[in-house]
């Protein structure tokens, strides 16, 4: 869940446990959204078909997995004014509807992403990945997205690959930079009071 705390142009967007977002003022008129998606070092992904045939994608084969995709979607689009053919083209071929504040990026090998020259406003950050789906997301934002997107079943089929994406909803000022990071919090060793 997002909570906003503002002080002299510096905004911090807090998230529970494993993810955080932070907004900082910049000189340019356009905003920026950037960050890093956690990709586990010891990743093991196993898929099994109904016929009992299993596929194991081990760490060595990680490079062959589909890179994470990021969508930054304006949370105030009047979908009734967007032709259905444009929505269909977006879902099926990633051709963004004309005149809409919808942005797309793919993760680099290290999980980083960057959206530059973004218009200020309310957004959904939608992260589609097969590393740790849903990590750092907000369940309420996911529910809101499901009710917001036109024909969510098609959106899920073509954009998210039938899995639940990581979703965050937030407000971005025109001069802000927002960062999103799903890296795990550093573990601290508990102090044993009986040790010298």
Protein backbone atom coordinates (compact mmCIF):
# COMPACT_ATOMS: atom_id res chain seq x y z
CA UNK A 1 0.00 0.00 0.00
CA UNK A 2 1.20 3.48 -0.73
CA UNK A 3 1.38 6.19 1.86
CA UNK A 4 2.57 9.63 0.85
CA UNK A 5 4.60 11.89 3.08
CA UNK A 6 5.59 15.26 1.62
CA UNK A 7 8.12 17.81 2.94
CA UNK A 8 9.57 20.73 0.92
CA UNK A 9 9.15 19.11 -2.49
CA UNK A 10 10.53 15.74 -1.42
CA UNK A 11 7.95 12.97 -1.49
CA UNK A 12 8.41 9.46 -0.20
CA UNK A 13 6.10 6.71 -1.31
CA UNK A 14 6.33 3.91 1.28
CA UNK A 15 5.51 0.28 0.61
CA UNK A 16 5.22 -2.73 2.85
CA UNK A 17 8.20 -4.97 3.53
CA UNK A 18 10.05 -5.73 0.31
CA UNK A 19 9.54 -2.76 -1.95
CA UNK A 20 9.85 0.98 -1.75
CA UNK A 21 9.30 4.02 -3.87
CA UNK A 22 10.77 7.46 -3.41
CA UNK A 23 10.12 10.68 -5.27
CA UNK A 24 12.67 13.49 -5.47
CA UNK A 25 12.42 16.90 -7.13
CA UNK A 26 14.26 17.46 -10.42
CA UNK A 27 14.91 20.56 -12.52
CA UNK A 28 13.18 19.41 -15.71
CA UNK A 29 9.43 19.80 -16.36
CA UNK A 30 9.02 16.11 -17.14
CA UNK A 31 8.99 13.41 -14.50
CA UNK A 32 10.87 10.12 -14.40
CA UNK A 33 10.08 6.67 -12.99
CA UNK A 34 12.94 4.21 -12.56
CA UNK A 35 13.97 1.30 -10.41
CA UNK A 36 15.13 -2.26 -10.11
CA UNK A 37 13.24 -5.51 -10.04
CA UNK A 38 14.54 -8.32 -7.85
CA UNK A 39 15.76 -11.32 -9.86
CA UNK A 40 16.75 -14.14 -7.48
CA UNK A 41 20.25 -15.59 -7.85
CA UNK A 42 19.05 -19.09 -7.00
CA UNK A 43 16.00 -18.92 -9.22
CA UNK A 44 14.32 -22.21 -9.97
CA UNK A 45 11.16 -22.20 -12.06
CA UNK A 46 9.39 -25.48 -12.64
CA UNK A 47 6.41 -25.93 -14.94
CA UNK A 48 4.41 -29.11 -15.25
CA UNK A 49 1.87 -29.96 -17.92
CA UNK A 50 -1.35 -31.84 -17.28
CA UNK A 51 0.26 -34.89 -18.90
CA UNK A 52 2.87 -34.98 -16.13
CA UNK A 53 5.79 -33.75 -18.25
CA UNK A 54 7.93 -31.32 -16.25
CA UNK A 55 10.22 -28.53 -17.35
CA UNK A 56 12.86 -27.18 -15.01
CA UNK A 57 14.32 -23.76 -15.76
CA UNK A 58 17.37 -23.64 -13.55
CA UNK A 59 19.73 -20.77 -12.79
CA UNK A 60 21.89 -21.63 -15.82
CA UNK A 61 18.92 -21.18 -18.16
CA UNK A 62 17.70 -17.94 -16.56
CA UNK A 63 18.83 -15.82 -19.52
CA UNK A 64 16.30 -17.60 -21.74
CA UNK A 65 13.38 -16.50 -19.57
CA UNK A 66 11.31 -13.57 -20.81
CA UNK A 67 12.60 -10.25 -19.43
CA UNK A 68 10.23 -8.36 -17.16
CA UNK A 69 8.02 -5.77 -18.85
CA UNK A 70 6.89 -2.52 -17.28
CA UNK A 71 3.78 -0.53 -18.11
CA UNK A 72 3.10 2.92 -16.71
CA UNK A 73 -0.62 3.54 -17.28
CA UNK A 74 -2.46 6.82 -16.69
CA UNK A 75 -5.07 6.13 -13.99
CA UNK A 76 -7.52 8.71 -15.39
CA UNK A 77 -8.07 7.62 -18.98
CA UNK A 78 -11.67 7.95 -20.14
CA UNK A 79 -11.82 4.55 -21.84
CA UNK A 80 -15.24 5.37 -23.35
CA UNK A 81 -13.49 7.93 -25.58
CA UNK A 82 -10.74 5.53 -26.70
CA UNK A 83 -11.83 3.47 -29.74
CA UNK A 84 -12.06 -0.24 -29.01
CA UNK A 85 -9.83 -0.94 -32.03
CA UNK A 86 -7.01 1.08 -30.41
CA UNK A 87 -7.38 -0.83 -27.13
CA UNK A 88 -7.32 -4.10 -29.09
CA UNK A 89 -4.19 -3.01 -31.00
CA UNK A 90 -2.52 -2.14 -27.68
CA UNK A 91 -3.30 -5.47 -26.08
CA UNK A 92 -2.39 -7.56 -29.11
CA UNK A 93 0.61 -5.67 -30.55
CA UNK A 94 1.71 -3.14 -27.89
CA UNK A 95 0.65 -0.20 -30.07
CA UNK A 96 -0.29 2.36 -27.41
CA UNK A 97 -3.58 4.25 -28.00
CA UNK A 98 -2.96 7.70 -29.50
CA UNK A 99 -2.73 10.65 -27.11
CA UNK A 100 -2.72 8.56 -23.93
CA UNK A 101 -0.15 8.70 -21.14
CA UNK A 102 0.79 5.03 -21.34
CA UNK A 103 4.47 4.07 -21.37
CA UNK A 104 6.32 0.79 -21.90
CA UNK A 105 9.78 -0.47 -20.95
CA UNK A 106 11.63 -3.78 -20.68
CA UNK A 107 13.94 -4.68 -17.83
CA UNK A 108 17.69 -4.74 -18.43
CA UNK A 109 19.58 -7.92 -17.49
CA UNK A 110 20.09 -6.62 -13.95
CA UNK A 111 16.37 -5.87 -13.54
CA UNK A 112 16.65 -2.09 -13.92
CA UNK A 113 14.16 0.03 -15.86
CA UNK A 114 13.68 3.73 -16.58
CA UNK A 115 10.78 5.83 -17.91
CA UNK A 116 11.92 9.34 -18.85
CA UNK A 117 9.94 12.42 -19.93
CA UNK A 118 6.75 11.32 -18.19
CA UNK A 119 3.78 13.65 -17.75
CA UNK A 120 2.73 14.22 -14.15
CA UNK A 121 -0.46 12.56 -12.94
CA UNK A 122 -1.93 9.46 -11.32
CA UNK A 123 -0.49 6.19 -12.58
CA UNK A 124 -0.55 2.44 -12.27
CA UNK A 125 2.90 0.87 -12.47
CA UNK A 126 2.28 -2.64 -13.82
CA UNK A 127 5.20 -5.07 -13.72
CA UNK A 128 4.89 -8.32 -15.63
CA UNK A 129 7.60 -10.81 -14.69
CA UNK A 130 8.19 -14.51 -14.17
CA UNK A 131 10.87 -14.09 -11.50
CA UNK A 132 8.78 -13.35 -8.41
CA UNK A 133 5.31 -12.31 -9.64
CA UNK A 134 3.51 -9.85 -7.40
CA UNK A 135 6.56 -8.99 -5.28
CA UNK A 136 6.21 -5.54 -3.77
CA UNK A 137 2.78 -4.98 -5.27
CA UNK A 138 -0.35 -3.61 -3.66
CA UNK A 139 -3.34 -6.02 -3.73
CA UNK A 140 -5.77 -3.07 -3.59
CA UNK A 141 -4.07 -1.48 -6.63
CA UNK A 142 -4.35 -4.79 -8.51
CA UNK A 143 -8.08 -4.96 -7.74
CA UNK A 144 -8.52 -1.34 -8.85
CA UNK A 145 -6.64 -2.06 -12.09
CA UNK A 146 -8.87 -5.07 -12.79
CA UNK A 147 -11.95 -2.83 -12.58
CA UNK A 148 -10.30 0.03 -14.48
CA UNK A 149 -8.87 -1.58 -17.62
CA UNK A 150 -11.29 -2.17 -20.50
CA UNK A 151 -11.84 -5.91 -20.97
CA UNK A 152 -9.40 -6.95 -18.25
CA UNK A 153 -9.51 -10.59 -19.41
CA UNK A 154 -7.95 -9.57 -22.75
CA UNK A 155 -5.47 -7.31 -20.93
CA UNK A 156 -4.48 -10.27 -18.78
CA UNK A 157 -4.29 -12.65 -21.74
CA UNK A 158 -2.08 -10.45 -23.94
CA UNK A 159 -0.27 -8.11 -21.54
CA UNK A 160 0.25 -10.03 -18.28
CA UNK A 161 0.33 -13.56 -19.69
CA UNK A 162 -2.56 -14.75 -17.48
CA UNK A 163 -0.61 -14.14 -14.27
CA UNK A 164 -1.22 -11.44 -11.69
CA UNK A 165 1.27 -8.62 -12.23
CA UNK A 166 2.93 -6.49 -9.58
CA UNK A 167 0.80 -3.32 -9.42
CA UNK A 168 1.31 -0.02 -7.60
CA UNK A 169 -0.83 3.09 -7.90
CA UNK A 170 0.69 6.49 -7.13
CA UNK A 171 0.65 10.20 -7.97
CA UNK A 172 3.62 11.75 -9.77
CA UNK A 173 4.22 15.50 -9.94
CA UNK A 174 5.66 16.93 -13.14
CA UNK A 175 9.00 17.70 -11.46
CA UNK A 176 9.38 14.43 -9.55
CA UNK A 177 11.54 11.36 -9.94
CA UNK A 178 10.00 8.21 -8.51
CA UNK A 179 11.96 5.04 -7.81
CA UNK A 180 10.68 1.53 -7.28
CA UNK A 181 12.82 -1.25 -5.87
CA UNK A 182 11.83 -4.82 -5.00
CA UNK A 183 15.24 -5.86 -3.73
CA UNK A 184 14.98 -7.74 -0.40
CA UNK A 185 15.73 -5.79 2.77
CA UNK A 186 19.21 -6.51 4.11
CA UNK A 187 19.15 -9.08 6.87
CA UNK A 188 20.72 -8.10 10.16
CA UNK A 189 22.13 -10.66 12.53
CA UNK A 190 20.27 -10.58 15.85
CA UNK A 191 22.46 -9.67 18.81
CA UNK A 192 22.86 -12.47 21.33
CA UNK A 193 22.90 -10.83 24.78
CA UNK A 194 24.83 -13.84 26.20
CA UNK A 195 27.83 -13.32 23.87
CA UNK A 196 30.73 -11.08 24.87
